[in-house]
Amino acid sequence: MHRITLLGRPGCHLCDDAREVIARVAGELGVPWEEIDIDTSPELLEKYGEMIPVTLVDGVQHDFWRVSEDRLRAALSS
């Protein structure tokens, strides 16, 4: 079973866009997902601070800034 993680922060309009795509795709495919505020983790903030939103699939970086719905669906179908 795949798992999606969205790394973002409150007030980020790109994070809002990513959240919509992820929620739609995850809901349609029955894939669990979570969102983590990078400001709560110094390690995540240091690693991804300028790249948010970052999408991880099974803990591996998949996209940043924009989420491609087609690419996300393809990753979750493999």
PDB file of N, CA and C in Angstrom:
ATOM      1  N   MET A   1       0.850  -1.184   0.000  1.00  0.00           N
ATOM      2  CA  MET A   1       0.000   0.000   0.000  1.00  0.00           C
ATOM      3  C   MET A   1       0.888   1.237   0.000  1.00  0.00           C
ATOM      4  N   HIS A   2       0.616   2.142  -0.893  1.00  0.00           N
ATOM      5  CA  HIS A   2       1.357   3.397  -0.966  1.00  0.00           C
ATOM      6  C   HIS A   2       0.863   4.371   0.105  1.00  0.00           C
ATOM      7  N   ARG A   3       1.689   5.387   0.351  1.00  0.00           N
ATOM      8  CA  ARG A   3       1.322   6.452   1.289  1.00  0.00           C
ATOM      9  C   ARG A   3       1.888   7.757   0.761  1.00  0.00           C
ATOM     10  N   ILE A   4       1.067   8.808   0.810  1.00  0.00           N
ATOM     11  CA  ILE A   4       1.479  10.136   0.343  1.00  0.00           C
ATOM     12  C   ILE A   4       1.679  11.034   1.557  1.00  0.00           C
ATOM     13  N   THR A   5       2.757  11.812   1.518  1.00  0.00           N
ATOM     14  CA  THR A   5       3.002  12.817   2.546  1.00  0.00           C
ATOM     15  C   THR A   5       3.177  14.158   1.862  1.00  0.00           C
ATOM     16  N   LEU A   6       2.455  15.147   2.337  1.00  0.00           N
ATOM     17  CA  LEU A   6       2.587  16.515   1.842  1.00  0.00           C
ATOM     18  C   LEU A   6       3.312  17.330   2.897  1.00  0.00           C
ATOM     19  N   LEU A   7       4.456  17.903   2.523  1.00  0.00           N
ATOM     20  CA  LEU A   7       5.202  18.786   3.407  1.00  0.00           C
ATOM     21  C   LEU A   7       4.893  20.214   3.000  1.00  0.00           C
ATOM     22  N   GLY A   8       4.394  20.998   3.918  1.00  0.00           N
ATOM     23  CA  GLY A   8       4.018  22.370   3.597  1.00  0.00           C
ATOM     24  C   GLY A   8       3.983  23.225   4.840  1.00  0.00           C
ATOM     25  N   ARG A   9       3.259  24.333   4.728  1.00  0.00           N
ATOM     26  CA  ARG A   9       3.080  25.228   5.880  1.00  0.00           C
ATOM     27  C   ARG A   9       1.789  26.008   5.691  1.00  0.00           C
ATOM     28  N   PRO A  10       1.210  26.466   6.780  1.00  0.00           N
ATOM     29  CA  PRO A  10      -0.006  27.267   6.698  1.00  0.00           C
ATOM     30  C   PRO A  10       0.248  28.565   5.919  1.00  0.00           C
ATOM     31  N   GLY A  11      -0.759  28.992   5.170  1.00  0.00           N
ATOM     32  CA  GLY A  11      -0.668  30.241   4.430  1.00  0.00           C
ATOM     33  C   GLY A  11       0.052  30.138   3.099  1.00  0.00           C
ATOM     34  N   CYS A  12       0.424  28.957   2.706  1.00  0.00           N
ATOM     35  CA  CYS A  12       1.139  28.728   1.449  1.00  0.00           C
ATOM     36  C   CYS A  12       0.119  28.387   0.355  1.00  0.00           C
ATOM     37  N   HIS A  13      -0.030  29.272  -0.637  1.00  0.00           N
ATOM     38  CA  HIS A  13      -1.042  29.020  -1.671  1.00  0.00           C
ATOM     39  C   HIS A  13      -0.690  27.819  -2.541  1.00  0.00           C
ATOM     40  N   LEU A  14       0.587  27.557  -2.774  1.00  0.00           N
ATOM     41  CA  LEU A  14       0.965  26.362  -3.537  1.00  0.00           C
ATOM     42  C   LEU A  14       0.644  25.099  -2.743  1.00  0.00           C
ATOM     43  N   CYS A  15       0.753  25.183  -1.421  1.00  0.00           N
ATOM     44  CA  CYS A  15       0.396  24.052  -0.569  1.00  0.00           C
ATOM     45  C   CYS A  15      -1.103  23.775  -0.650  1.00  0.00           C
ATOM     46  N   ASP A  16      -1.900  24.843  -0.717  1.00  0.00           N
ATOM     47  CA  ASP A  16      -3.347  24.682  -0.871  1.00  0.00           C
ATOM     48  C   ASP A  16      -3.664  23.959  -2.175  1.00  0.00           C
ATOM     49  N   ASP A  17      -2.987  24.354  -3.255  1.00  0.00           N
ATOM     50  CA  ASP A  17      -3.198  23.704  -4.559  1.00  0.00           C
ATOM     51  C   ASP A  17      -2.792  22.237  -4.497  1.00  0.00           C
ATOM     52  N   ALA A  18      -1.634  21.970  -3.894  1.00  0.00           N
ATOM     53  CA  ALA A  18      -1.139  20.595  -3.790  1.00  0.00           C
ATOM     54  C   ALA A  18      -2.092  19.742  -2.967  1.00  0.00           C
ATOM     55  N   ARG A  19      -2.588  20.301  -1.876  1.00  0.00           N
ATOM     56  CA  ARG A  19      -3.522  19.585  -0.999  1.00  0.00           C
ATOM     57  C   ARG A  19      -4.767  19.151  -1.767  1.00  0.00           C
ATOM     58  N   GLU A  20      -5.294  20.023  -2.611  1.00  0.00           N
ATOM     59  CA  GLU A  20      -6.484  19.685  -3.402  1.00  0.00           C
ATOM     60  C   GLU A  20      -6.223  18.514  -4.331  1.00  0.00           C
ATOM     61  N   VAL A  21      -5.091  18.551  -5.034  1.00  0.00           N
ATOM     62  CA  VAL A  21      -4.753  17.470  -5.972  1.00  0.00           C
ATOM     63  C   VAL A  21      -4.548  16.163  -5.213  1.00  0.00           C
ATOM     64  N   ILE A  22      -3.777  16.216  -4.142  1.00  0.00           N
ATOM     65  CA  ILE A  22      -3.484  15.006  -3.373  1.00  0.00           C
ATOM     66  C   ILE A  22      -4.760  14.427  -2.768  1.00  0.00           C
ATOM     67  N   ALA A  23      -5.597  15.259  -2.193  1.00  0.00           N
ATOM     68  CA  ALA A  23      -6.835  14.772  -1.585  1.00  0.00           C
ATOM     69  C   ALA A  23      -7.726  14.100  -2.625  1.00  0.00           C
ATOM     70  N   ARG A  24      -7.810  14.700  -3.805  1.00  0.00           N
ATOM     71  CA  ARG A  24      -8.638  14.126  -4.869  1.00  0.00           C
ATOM     72  C   ARG A  24      -8.096  12.763  -5.317  1.00  0.00           C
ATOM     73  N   VAL A  25      -6.815  12.725  -5.649  1.00  0.00           N
ATOM     74  CA  VAL A  25      -6.217  11.484  -6.153  1.00  0.00           C
ATOM     75  C   VAL A  25      -6.218  10.402  -5.073  1.00  0.00           C
ATOM     76  N   ALA A  26      -5.817  10.752  -3.871  1.00  0.00           N
ATOM     77  CA  ALA A  26      -5.778   9.780  -2.778  1.00  0.00           C
ATOM     78  C   ALA A  26      -7.180   9.240  -2.485  1.00  0.00           C
ATOM     79  N   GLY A  27      -8.158  10.124  -2.505  1.00  0.00           N
ATOM     80  CA  GLY A  27      -9.535   9.688  -2.263  1.00  0.00           C
ATOM     81  C   GLY A  27     -10.037   8.744  -3.332  1.00  0.00           C
ATOM     82  N   GLU A  28      -9.752   9.066  -4.579  1.00  0.00           N
ATOM     83  CA  GLU A  28     -10.203   8.205  -5.686  1.00  0.00           C
ATOM     84  C   GLU A  28      -9.515   6.849  -5.674  1.00  0.00           C
ATOM     85  N   LEU A  29      -8.236   6.821  -5.281  1.00  0.00           N
ATOM     86  CA  LEU A  29      -7.472   5.571  -5.320  1.00  0.00           C
ATOM     87  C   LEU A  29      -7.431   4.848  -3.974  1.00  0.00           C
ATOM     88  N   GLY A  30      -8.005   5.463  -2.950  1.00  0.00           N
ATOM     89  CA  GLY A  30      -8.006   4.833  -1.633  1.00  0.00           C
ATOM     90  C   GLY A  30      -6.629   4.772  -0.994  1.00  0.00           C
ATOM     91  N   VAL A  31      -5.806   5.778  -1.258  1.00  0.00           N
ATOM     92  CA  VAL A  31      -4.443   5.825  -0.722  1.00  0.00           C
ATOM     93  C   VAL A  31      -4.416   6.773   0.482  1.00  0.00           C
ATOM     94  N   PRO A  32      -3.859   6.339   1.606  1.00  0.00           N
ATOM     95  CA  PRO A  32      -3.771   7.234   2.763  1.00  0.00           C
ATOM     96  C   PRO A  32      -2.760   8.348   2.521  1.00  0.00           C
ATOM     97  N   TRP A  33      -3.037   9.502   3.139  1.00  0.00           N
ATOM     98  CA  TRP A  33      -2.088  10.607   3.031  1.00  0.00           C
ATOM     99  C   TRP A  33      -2.109  11.418   4.297  1.00  0.00           C
ATOM    100  N   GLU A  34      -1.024  12.138   4.506  1.00  0.00           N
ATOM    101  CA  GLU A  34      -0.898  12.995   5.674  1.00  0.00           C
ATOM    102  C   GLU A  34      -0.220  14.287   5.250  1.00  0.00           C
ATOM    103  N   GLU A  35      -0.398  15.296   6.068  1.00  0.00           N
ATOM    104  CA  GLU A  35       0.259  16.571   5.833  1.00  0.00           C
ATOM    105  C   GLU A  35       1.089  16.929   7.049  1.00  0.00           C
ATOM    106  N   ILE A  36       2.318  17.370   6.806  1.00  0.00           N
ATOM    107  CA  ILE A  36       3.222  17.759   7.879  1.00  0.00           C
ATOM    108  C   ILE A  36       3.643  19.206   7.659  1.00  0.00           C
ATOM    109  N   ASP A  37       3.517  20.014   8.696  1.00  0.00           N
ATOM    110  CA  ASP A  37       3.968  21.403   8.678  1.00  0.00           C
ATOM    111  C   ASP A  37       5.480  21.392   8.891  1.00  0.00           C
ATOM    112  N   ILE A  38       6.244  21.788   7.871  1.00  0.00           N
ATOM    113  CA  ILE A  38       7.703  21.708   7.998  1.00  0.00           C
ATOM    114  C   ILE A  38       8.242  22.641   9.079  1.00  0.00           C
ATOM    115  N   ASP A  39       7.472  23.630   9.452  1.00  0.00           N
ATOM    116  CA  ASP A  39       7.927  24.545  10.500  1.00  0.00           C
ATOM    117  C   ASP A  39       7.990  23.873  11.873  1.00  0.00           C
ATOM    118  N   THR A  40       7.432  22.676  12.004  1.00  0.00           N
ATOM    119  CA  THR A  40       7.469  21.946  13.270  1.00  0.00           C
ATOM    120  C   THR A  40       8.689  21.034  13.367  1.00  0.00           C
ATOM    121  N   SER A  41       9.492  20.973  12.301  1.00  0.00           N
ATOM    122  CA  SER A  41      10.650  20.084  12.288  1.00  0.00           C
ATOM    123  C   SER A  41      11.874  20.808  11.736  1.00  0.00           C
ATOM    124  N   PRO A  42      12.861  21.080  12.567  1.00  0.00           N
ATOM    125  CA  PRO A  42      14.069  21.738  12.073  1.00  0.00           C
ATOM    126  C   PRO A  42      14.747  20.971  10.927  1.00  0.00           C
ATOM    127  N   GLU A  43      14.706  19.649  10.985  1.00  0.00           N
ATOM    128  CA  GLU A  43      15.330  18.840   9.936  1.00  0.00           C
ATOM    129  C   GLU A  43      14.608  19.022   8.593  1.00  0.00           C
ATOM    130  N   LEU A  44      13.279  18.947   8.620  1.00  0.00           N
ATOM    131  CA  LEU A  44      12.513  19.128   7.387  1.00  0.00           C
ATOM    132  C   LEU A  44      12.648  20.551   6.868  1.00  0.00           C
ATOM    133  N   LEU A  45      12.635  21.511   7.760  1.00  0.00           N
ATOM    134  CA  LEU A  45      12.773  22.914   7.369  1.00  0.00           C
ATOM    135  C   LEU A  45      14.113  23.156   6.680  1.00  0.00           C
ATOM    136  N   GLU A  46      15.169  22.592   7.228  1.00  0.00           N
ATOM    137  CA  GLU A  46      16.495  22.756   6.625  1.00  0.00           C
ATOM    138  C   GLU A  46      16.569  22.085   5.256  1.00  0.00           C
ATOM    139  N   LYS A  47      15.990  20.908   5.141  1.00  0.00           N
ATOM    140  CA  LYS A  47      16.080  20.138   3.892  1.00  0.00           C
ATOM    141  C   LYS A  47      15.165  20.670   2.796  1.00  0.00           C
ATOM    142  N   TYR A  48      13.939  21.073   3.153  1.00  0.00           N
ATOM    143  CA  TYR A  48      12.926  21.404   2.151  1.00  0.00           C
ATOM    144  C   TYR A  48      12.405  22.832   2.214  1.00  0.00           C
ATOM    145  N   GLY A  49      12.954  23.683   3.065  1.00  0.00           N
ATOM    146  CA  GLY A  49      12.411  25.001   3.335  1.00  0.00           C
ATOM    147  C   GLY A  49      12.034  25.830   2.120  1.00  0.00           C
ATOM    148  N   GLU A  50      12.838  25.825   1.083  1.00  0.00           N
ATOM    149  CA  GLU A  50      12.574  26.639  -0.111  1.00  0.00           C
ATOM    150  C   GLU A  50      11.830  25.881  -1.197  1.00  0.00           C
ATOM    151  N   MET A  51      11.511  24.625  -0.949  1.00  0.00           N
ATOM    152  CA  MET A  51      10.919  23.785  -1.992  1.00  0.00           C
ATOM    153  C   MET A  51       9.436  23.504  -1.789  1.00  0.00           C
ATOM    154  N   ILE A  52       8.848  23.982  -0.700  1.00  0.00           N
ATOM    155  CA  ILE A  52       7.480  23.579  -0.390  1.00  0.00           C
ATOM    156  C   ILE A  52       6.484  24.110  -1.424  1.00  0.00           C
ATOM    157  N   PRO A  53       5.427  23.378  -1.626  1.00  0.00           N
ATOM    158  CA  PRO A  53       5.131  22.090  -1.014  1.00  0.00           C
ATOM    159  C   PRO A  53       5.971  20.980  -1.649  1.00  0.00           C
ATOM    160  N   VAL A  54       6.267  19.986  -0.842  1.00  0.00           N
ATOM    161  CA  VAL A  54       6.981  18.802  -1.303  1.00  0.00           C
ATOM    162  C   VAL A  54       6.046  17.622  -1.127  1.00  0.00           C
ATOM    163  N   THR A  55       5.968  16.789  -2.151  1.00  0.00           N
ATOM    164  CA  THR A  55       5.158  15.581  -2.088  1.00  0.00           C
ATOM    165  C   THR A  55       6.080  14.377  -2.017  1.00  0.00           C
ATOM    166  N   LEU A  56       5.854  13.533  -1.025  1.00  0.00           N
ATOM    167  CA  LEU A  56       6.594  12.285  -0.884  1.00  0.00           C
ATOM    168  C   LEU A  56       5.637  11.134  -1.157  1.00  0.00           C
ATOM    169  N   VAL A  57       6.104  10.158  -1.878  1.00  0.00           N
ATOM    170  CA  VAL A  57       5.343   8.914  -2.072  1.00  0.00           C
ATOM    171  C   VAL A  57       6.184   7.809  -1.448  1.00  0.00           C
ATOM    172  N   ASP A  58       5.628   7.182  -0.446  1.00  0.00           N
ATOM    173  CA  ASP A  58       6.334   6.132   0.291  1.00  0.00           C
ATOM    174  C   ASP A  58       7.663   6.637   0.851  1.00  0.00           C
ATOM    175  N   GLY A  59       7.673   7.886   1.293  1.00  0.00           N
ATOM    176  CA  GLY A  59       8.847   8.461   1.921  1.00  0.00           C
ATOM    177  C   GLY A  59       9.912   8.982   0.973  1.00  0.00           C
ATOM    178  N   VAL A  60       9.667   8.893  -0.334  1.00  0.00           N
ATOM    179  CA  VAL A  60      10.631   9.341  -1.337  1.00  0.00           C
ATOM    180  C   VAL A  60      10.082  10.589  -2.021  1.00  0.00           C
ATOM    181  N   GLN A  61      10.931  11.609  -2.181  1.00  0.00           N
ATOM    182  CA  GLN A  61      10.476  12.841  -2.827  1.00  0.00           C
ATOM    183  C   GLN A  61       9.961  12.554  -4.231  1.00  0.00           C
ATOM    184  N   HIS A  62       8.760  13.044  -4.476  1.00  0.00           N
ATOM    185  CA  HIS A  62       8.101  12.814  -5.759  1.00  0.00           C
ATOM    186  C   HIS A  62       7.991  14.111  -6.557  1.00  0.00           C
ATOM    187  N   ASP A  63       7.529  15.175  -5.959  1.00  0.00           N
ATOM    188  CA  ASP A  63       7.348  16.477  -6.600  1.00  0.00           C
ATOM    189  C   ASP A  63       7.662  17.578  -5.589  1.00  0.00           C
ATOM    190  N   PHE A  64       7.899  18.775  -6.095  1.00  0.00           N
ATOM    191  CA  PHE A  64       7.950  19.954  -5.242  1.00  0.00           C
ATOM    192  C   PHE A  64       7.389  21.128  -6.020  1.00  0.00           C
ATOM    193  N   TRP A  65       6.951  22.148  -5.300  1.00  0.00           N
ATOM    194  CA  TRP A  65       6.271  23.340  -5.780  1.00  0.00           C
ATOM    195  C   TRP A  65       4.907  23.037  -6.381  1.00  0.00           C
ATOM    196  N   ARG A  66       4.828  22.231  -7.383  1.00  0.00           N
ATOM    197  CA  ARG A  66       3.553  21.873  -8.027  1.00  0.00           C
ATOM    198  C   ARG A  66       3.396  20.358  -8.032  1.00  0.00           C
ATOM    199  N   VAL A  67       2.179  19.888  -7.853  1.00  0.00           N
ATOM    200  CA  VAL A  67       1.905  18.454  -7.907  1.00  0.00           C
ATOM    201  C   VAL A  67       1.254  18.157  -9.248  1.00  0.00           C
ATOM    202  N   SER A  68       1.883  17.291 -10.011  1.00  0.00           N
ATOM    203  CA  SER A  68       1.312  16.839 -11.272  1.00  0.00           C
ATOM    204  C   SER A  68       0.359  15.683 -10.975  1.00  0.00           C
ATOM    205  N   GLU A  69      -0.910  15.903 -11.257  1.00  0.00           N
ATOM    206  CA  GLU A  69      -1.895  14.852 -10.985  1.00  0.00           C
ATOM    207  C   GLU A  69      -1.589  13.587 -11.783  1.00  0.00           C
ATOM    208  N   ASP A  70      -1.203  13.743 -13.037  1.00  0.00           N
ATOM    209  CA  ASP A  70      -0.888  12.579 -13.880  1.00  0.00           C
ATOM    210  C   ASP A  70       0.314  11.799 -13.329  1.00  0.00           C
ATOM    211  N   ARG A  71       1.365  12.517 -12.938  1.00  0.00           N
ATOM    212  CA  ARG A  71       2.554  11.841 -12.382  1.00  0.00           C
ATOM    213  C   ARG A  71       2.231  11.150 -11.064  1.00  0.00           C
ATOM    214  N   LEU A  72       1.419  11.809 -10.240  1.00  0.00           N
ATOM    215  CA  LEU A  72       1.047  11.210  -8.959  1.00  0.00           C
ATOM    216  C   LEU A  72       0.235   9.940  -9.181  1.00  0.00           C
ATOM    217  N   ARG A  73      -0.723   9.994 -10.064  1.00  0.00           N
ATOM    218  CA  ARG A  73      -1.523   8.792 -10.376  1.00  0.00           C
ATOM    219  C   ARG A  73      -0.633   7.659 -10.891  1.00  0.00           C
ATOM    220  N   ALA A  74       0.309   8.003 -11.765  1.00  0.00           N
ATOM    221  CA  ALA A  74       1.211   6.982 -12.319  1.00  0.00           C
ATOM    222  C   ALA A  74       2.066   6.351 -11.218  1.00  0.00           C
ATOM    223  N   ALA A  75       2.575   7.162 -10.295  1.00  0.00           N
ATOM    224  CA  ALA A  75       3.404   6.643  -9.204  1.00  0.00           C
ATOM    225  C   ALA A  75       2.602   5.729  -8.303  1.00  0.00           C
ATOM    226  N   LEU A  76       1.344   6.051  -8.090  1.00  0.00           N
ATOM    227  CA  LEU A  76       0.510   5.265  -7.192  1.00  0.00           C
ATOM    228  C   LEU A  76      -0.042   4.011  -7.863  1.00  0.00           C
ATOM    229  N   SER A  77       0.048   3.943  -9.176  1.00  0.00           N
ATOM    230  CA  SER A  77      -0.450   2.789  -9.913  1.00  0.00           C
ATOM    231  C   SER A  77       0.627   1.721 -10.085  1.00  0.00           C
ATOM    232  N   SER A  78       1.873   2.083  -9.775  1.00  0.00           N
ATOM    233  CA  SER A  78       2.963   1.122  -9.978  1.00  0.00           C
ATOM    234  C   SER A  78       3.113   0.191  -8.783  1.00  0.00           C
TER     235      SER A  78
END
